[in-house]
Amino acid sequence: MIIGDGLIANAFADYHTNNRVIIFASGVSNSLQTKRKEFNREKKFLKEALDFVSTIVYFSSTICYDKNKEKYINHKRKMENLIFKKSKQLLIIRLPQIIGNGGNENTLINFIVNKIKNDEEINVYDGVERSLVDVDDLKHIVDYILNKKITGMFTLNHIELVKIEDLVRLISKHLKKEAKIKLVPGEKFPMYDNDPIINEALDNLNIKSTDYTKKLIKKYIK
């Protein structure tokens, strides 16, 4: 069963008729969201999903420290706690930014692409790193963990870490249009390793870090 629509829901389409697993794809995806009604909407749908006697798969965030995203972070942690209180059949995956066809227009990638295409200056946090995850790879990772009948909360911090400045240059090169980059001071947060089951899945699925970001840009950015 799938609750929600959009980028993640589309990737997990083959779970529509699976009554043993609920893919919860109706969460707040914009990390800059501050509206209480959007957070309450997710909470309502999540509570309804937890009434089913099924394994619930919930997608949370690796963001921990960003003051600009404090309301979003607090909301995600509350939803994690709600799931732990209500269900023993759970799989929570904390994720960096997901990339695929469609999805949230407020993502870092869409922001960079639009700035480059519109010939606008881009403020880039100096030395700060980010990581992208292909939604198709996310699907395979979840399949792998579910097939092993492992439950709990696990963190996928990164497949390949890339400085934002380098990410902008990769996208600029792909679009064949020069980016106007302005380096600004940015707060650097600690980057932790993935949980062991995540690394095991990456190894078994042959998902490699080398040129991972470059391949995703080529795959998804038009």
Protein backbone atom coordinates (compact mmCIF):
# COMPACT_ATOMS: atom_id res chain seq x y z
CA MET A 1 0.00 0.00 0.00
CA ILE A 2 1.16 3.51 -0.77
CA ILE A 3 -0.04 6.62 1.06
CA GLY A 4 0.63 9.77 -0.91
CA ASP A 5 1.88 10.55 -4.39
CA GLY A 6 4.81 12.26 -6.04
CA LEU A 7 8.46 11.34 -6.45
CA ILE A 8 8.81 8.59 -3.84
CA ALA A 9 5.33 7.17 -4.38
CA ASN A 10 5.99 6.77 -8.09
CA ALA A 11 9.27 4.96 -7.45
CA PHE A 12 7.50 2.49 -5.13
CA ALA A 13 4.54 1.90 -7.47
CA ASP A 14 4.80 -1.91 -7.21
CA TYR A 15 3.82 -1.65 -3.51
CA HIS A 16 0.27 -0.51 -4.37
CA THR A 17 -1.07 -4.04 -4.02
CA ASN A 18 1.20 -5.07 -1.15
CA ASN A 19 -0.94 -5.33 2.00
CA ARG A 20 2.00 -6.28 4.23
CA VAL A 21 3.91 -3.00 3.73
CA ILE A 22 2.78 0.62 3.81
CA ILE A 23 5.01 3.10 1.98
CA PHE A 24 4.28 6.44 3.63
CA ALA A 25 4.96 8.97 0.86
CA SER A 26 2.75 11.77 2.12
CA GLY A 27 5.25 13.55 4.34
CA VAL A 28 6.36 17.19 4.29
CA SER A 29 9.19 17.25 1.76
CA ASN A 30 10.16 20.93 1.81
CA SER A 31 12.72 21.38 4.60
CA LEU A 32 11.96 25.13 4.66
CA GLN A 33 8.31 24.49 5.46
CA THR A 34 7.05 26.32 8.57
CA LYS A 35 3.25 26.08 8.24
CA ARG A 36 1.65 24.17 11.11
CA LYS A 37 -1.23 22.99 8.88
CA GLU A 38 1.22 21.13 6.63
CA PHE A 39 2.83 19.42 9.62
CA ASN A 40 -0.60 18.56 11.06
CA ARG A 41 -1.68 17.15 7.72
CA GLU A 42 1.24 14.70 7.71
CA LYS A 43 0.60 13.77 11.34
CA LYS A 44 -3.07 13.02 10.59
CA PHE A 45 -2.25 10.75 7.64
CA LEU A 46 0.52 9.04 9.58
CA LYS A 47 -1.77 8.27 12.53
CA GLU A 48 -4.28 6.75 10.12
CA ALA A 49 -1.55 4.65 8.50
CA LEU A 50 -0.41 3.35 11.88
CA ASP A 51 -3.88 1.86 12.47
CA PHE A 52 -3.09 -0.80 9.85
CA VAL A 53 -1.37 -4.01 10.95
CA SER A 54 1.41 -3.66 8.40
CA THR A 55 5.08 -2.75 8.28
CA ILE A 56 5.27 1.01 7.80
CA VAL A 57 8.12 2.58 5.82
CA TYR A 58 8.71 6.23 6.69
CA PHE A 59 11.22 8.62 5.13
CA SER A 60 12.80 11.12 7.50
CA SER A 61 15.71 13.55 7.22
CA THR A 62 19.40 13.60 8.09
CA ILE A 63 19.19 17.35 8.80
CA CYS A 64 19.92 17.94 12.49
CA TYR A 65 21.39 21.37 13.14
CA ASP A 66 20.21 23.93 10.57
CA LYS A 67 18.50 26.78 12.47
CA ASN A 68 16.67 27.83 9.29
CA LYS A 69 14.98 24.42 9.23
CA GLU A 70 14.32 23.98 12.94
CA LYS A 71 10.55 23.59 12.64
CA TYR A 72 10.92 20.97 9.93
CA ILE A 73 13.56 19.06 11.93
CA ASN A 74 11.44 19.09 15.10
CA HIS A 75 8.43 17.88 13.15
CA LYS A 76 10.33 14.96 11.60
CA ARG A 77 11.68 13.87 14.98
CA LYS A 78 8.15 13.98 16.44
CA MET A 79 6.89 11.78 13.59
CA GLU A 80 9.71 9.30 14.22
CA ASN A 81 8.77 9.14 17.91
CA LEU A 82 5.10 8.69 17.03
CA ILE A 83 5.92 5.69 14.86
CA PHE A 84 8.09 4.10 17.56
CA LYS A 85 5.26 4.51 20.09
CA LYS A 86 2.56 3.08 17.83
CA SER A 87 4.30 0.33 15.85
CA LYS A 88 6.86 -2.42 16.22
CA GLN A 89 6.77 -3.15 12.49
CA LEU A 90 8.63 -0.16 11.15
CA LEU A 91 11.39 0.94 8.84
CA ILE A 92 12.45 4.57 9.13
CA ILE A 93 15.12 5.79 6.73
CA ARG A 94 16.78 9.15 7.39
CA LEU A 95 17.85 10.63 4.08
CA PRO A 96 19.73 13.52 2.49
CA GLN A 97 18.25 15.06 -0.66
CA ILE A 98 16.44 12.74 -3.07
CA ILE A 99 16.63 13.34 -6.79
CA GLY A 100 14.40 11.93 -9.52
CA ASN A 101 11.92 12.99 -12.19
CA GLY A 102 9.48 15.50 -10.72
CA GLY A 103 9.10 16.00 -7.00
CA ASN A 104 9.46 19.08 -4.83
CA GLU A 105 10.30 22.24 -6.79
CA ASN A 106 12.03 23.73 -3.75
CA THR A 107 14.98 21.33 -3.78
CA LEU A 108 18.59 22.50 -3.86
CA ILE A 109 19.01 21.03 -7.35
CA ASN A 110 16.00 22.82 -8.82
CA PHE A 111 17.15 26.03 -7.14
CA ILE A 112 20.61 25.76 -8.73
CA VAL A 113 19.25 24.80 -12.15
CA ASN A 114 16.82 27.74 -12.22
CA LYS A 115 19.50 30.20 -11.10
CA ILE A 116 21.87 29.06 -13.85
CA LYS A 117 19.19 29.08 -16.55
CA ASN A 118 18.05 32.56 -15.49
CA ASP A 119 21.64 33.85 -15.42
CA GLU A 120 21.32 34.78 -11.73
CA GLU A 121 24.02 34.89 -9.08
CA ILE A 122 24.13 31.91 -6.72
CA ASN A 123 25.22 32.33 -3.10
CA VAL A 124 27.20 29.18 -2.30
CA TYR A 125 28.25 28.21 1.21
CA ASP A 126 32.03 27.90 1.12
CA GLY A 127 33.26 24.39 1.91
CA VAL A 128 29.82 23.00 2.80
CA GLU A 129 29.07 19.53 1.42
CA ARG A 130 25.85 17.89 0.30
CA SER A 131 24.80 14.46 -0.91
CA LEU A 132 22.20 13.33 -3.42
CA VAL A 133 20.41 9.98 -3.54
CA ASP A 134 18.71 8.61 -6.63
CA VAL A 135 15.07 7.76 -5.82
CA ASP A 136 15.54 4.54 -7.81
CA ASP A 137 18.45 3.57 -5.57
CA LEU A 138 16.34 4.39 -2.51
CA LYS A 139 13.73 1.94 -3.76
CA HIS A 140 16.33 -0.82 -4.15
CA ILE A 141 17.77 -0.12 -0.70
CA VAL A 142 14.35 -0.33 0.96
CA ASP A 143 13.58 -3.54 -0.95
CA TYR A 144 16.86 -5.01 0.27
CA ILE A 145 16.22 -4.18 3.93
CA LEU A 146 12.60 -5.36 3.85
CA ASN A 147 13.61 -8.64 2.20
CA LYS A 148 16.02 -9.25 5.08
CA LYS A 149 13.12 -8.65 7.50
CA ILE A 150 15.10 -5.99 9.39
CA THR A 151 13.20 -3.30 11.27
CA GLY A 152 14.26 -0.08 12.99
CA MET A 153 15.56 3.35 12.04
CA PHE A 154 18.61 3.70 9.82
CA THR A 155 20.50 6.64 8.38
CA LEU A 156 21.72 7.04 4.82
CA ASN A 157 23.96 10.06 5.25
CA HIS A 158 25.63 9.97 1.87
CA ILE A 159 26.63 7.93 -1.13
CA GLU A 160 28.99 10.61 -2.45
CA LEU A 161 29.75 13.85 -0.63
CA VAL A 162 30.18 16.88 -2.90
CA LYS A 163 30.94 20.48 -2.05
CA ILE A 164 28.05 22.72 -3.08
CA GLU A 165 30.45 24.78 -5.20
CA ASP A 166 31.47 21.65 -7.12
CA LEU A 167 27.83 20.62 -7.45
CA VAL A 168 27.00 23.96 -9.06
CA ARG A 169 29.93 23.59 -11.46
CA LEU A 170 28.86 20.07 -12.44
CA ILE A 171 25.34 21.27 -13.19
CA SER A 172 26.71 24.32 -15.02
CA LYS A 173 28.88 22.11 -17.21
CA HIS A 174 25.99 19.78 -17.94
CA LEU A 175 23.72 22.68 -18.92
CA LYS A 176 26.54 24.23 -20.96
CA LYS A 177 25.88 27.55 -19.29
CA GLU A 178 28.22 29.39 -16.94
CA ALA A 179 27.13 29.75 -13.33
CA LYS A 180 27.61 33.00 -11.43
CA ILE A 181 28.95 31.76 -8.10
CA LYS A 182 29.40 33.93 -5.02
CA LEU A 183 31.09 32.13 -2.12
CA VAL A 184 29.67 33.07 1.28
CA PRO A 185 30.52 31.80 4.78
CA GLY A 186 28.52 28.74 5.73
CA GLU A 187 28.14 26.70 8.89
CA LYS A 188 29.67 23.26 8.49
CA PHE A 189 27.86 20.39 10.16
CA PRO A 190 29.44 17.03 11.03
CA MET A 191 28.98 14.31 8.42
CA TYR A 192 28.49 10.87 9.92
CA ASP A 193 28.85 7.49 8.26
CA ASN A 194 25.89 5.42 7.08
CA ASP A 195 24.41 2.75 9.31
CA PRO A 196 25.93 -0.70 8.62
CA ILE A 197 22.78 -2.13 6.98
CA ILE A 198 22.79 0.80 4.56
CA ASN A 199 26.42 0.17 3.59
CA GLU A 200 25.65 -3.53 3.23
CA ALA A 201 22.78 -2.70 0.87
CA LEU A 202 24.95 -0.30 -1.16
CA ASP A 203 27.64 -2.98 -1.51
CA ASN A 204 25.22 -5.73 -2.48
CA LEU A 205 23.38 -3.48 -4.93
CA ASN A 206 26.70 -2.34 -6.42
CA ILE A 207 25.91 1.33 -5.82
CA LYS A 208 29.29 3.06 -6.01
CA SER A 209 30.29 6.54 -4.86
CA THR A 210 32.62 7.24 -7.79
CA ASP A 211 31.05 9.86 -10.11
CA TYR A 212 27.68 9.12 -8.50
CA THR A 213 26.58 12.77 -8.47
CA LYS A 214 27.74 13.37 -12.02
CA LYS A 215 25.69 10.38 -13.21
CA LEU A 216 22.58 11.65 -11.43
CA ILE A 217 22.92 15.09 -13.01
CA LYS A 218 23.18 13.48 -16.44
CA LYS A 219 20.21 11.21 -15.70
CA TYR A 220 17.76 13.77 -14.35
CA ILE A 221 18.66 17.33 -15.33
CA LYS A 222 17.41 18.45 -18.74
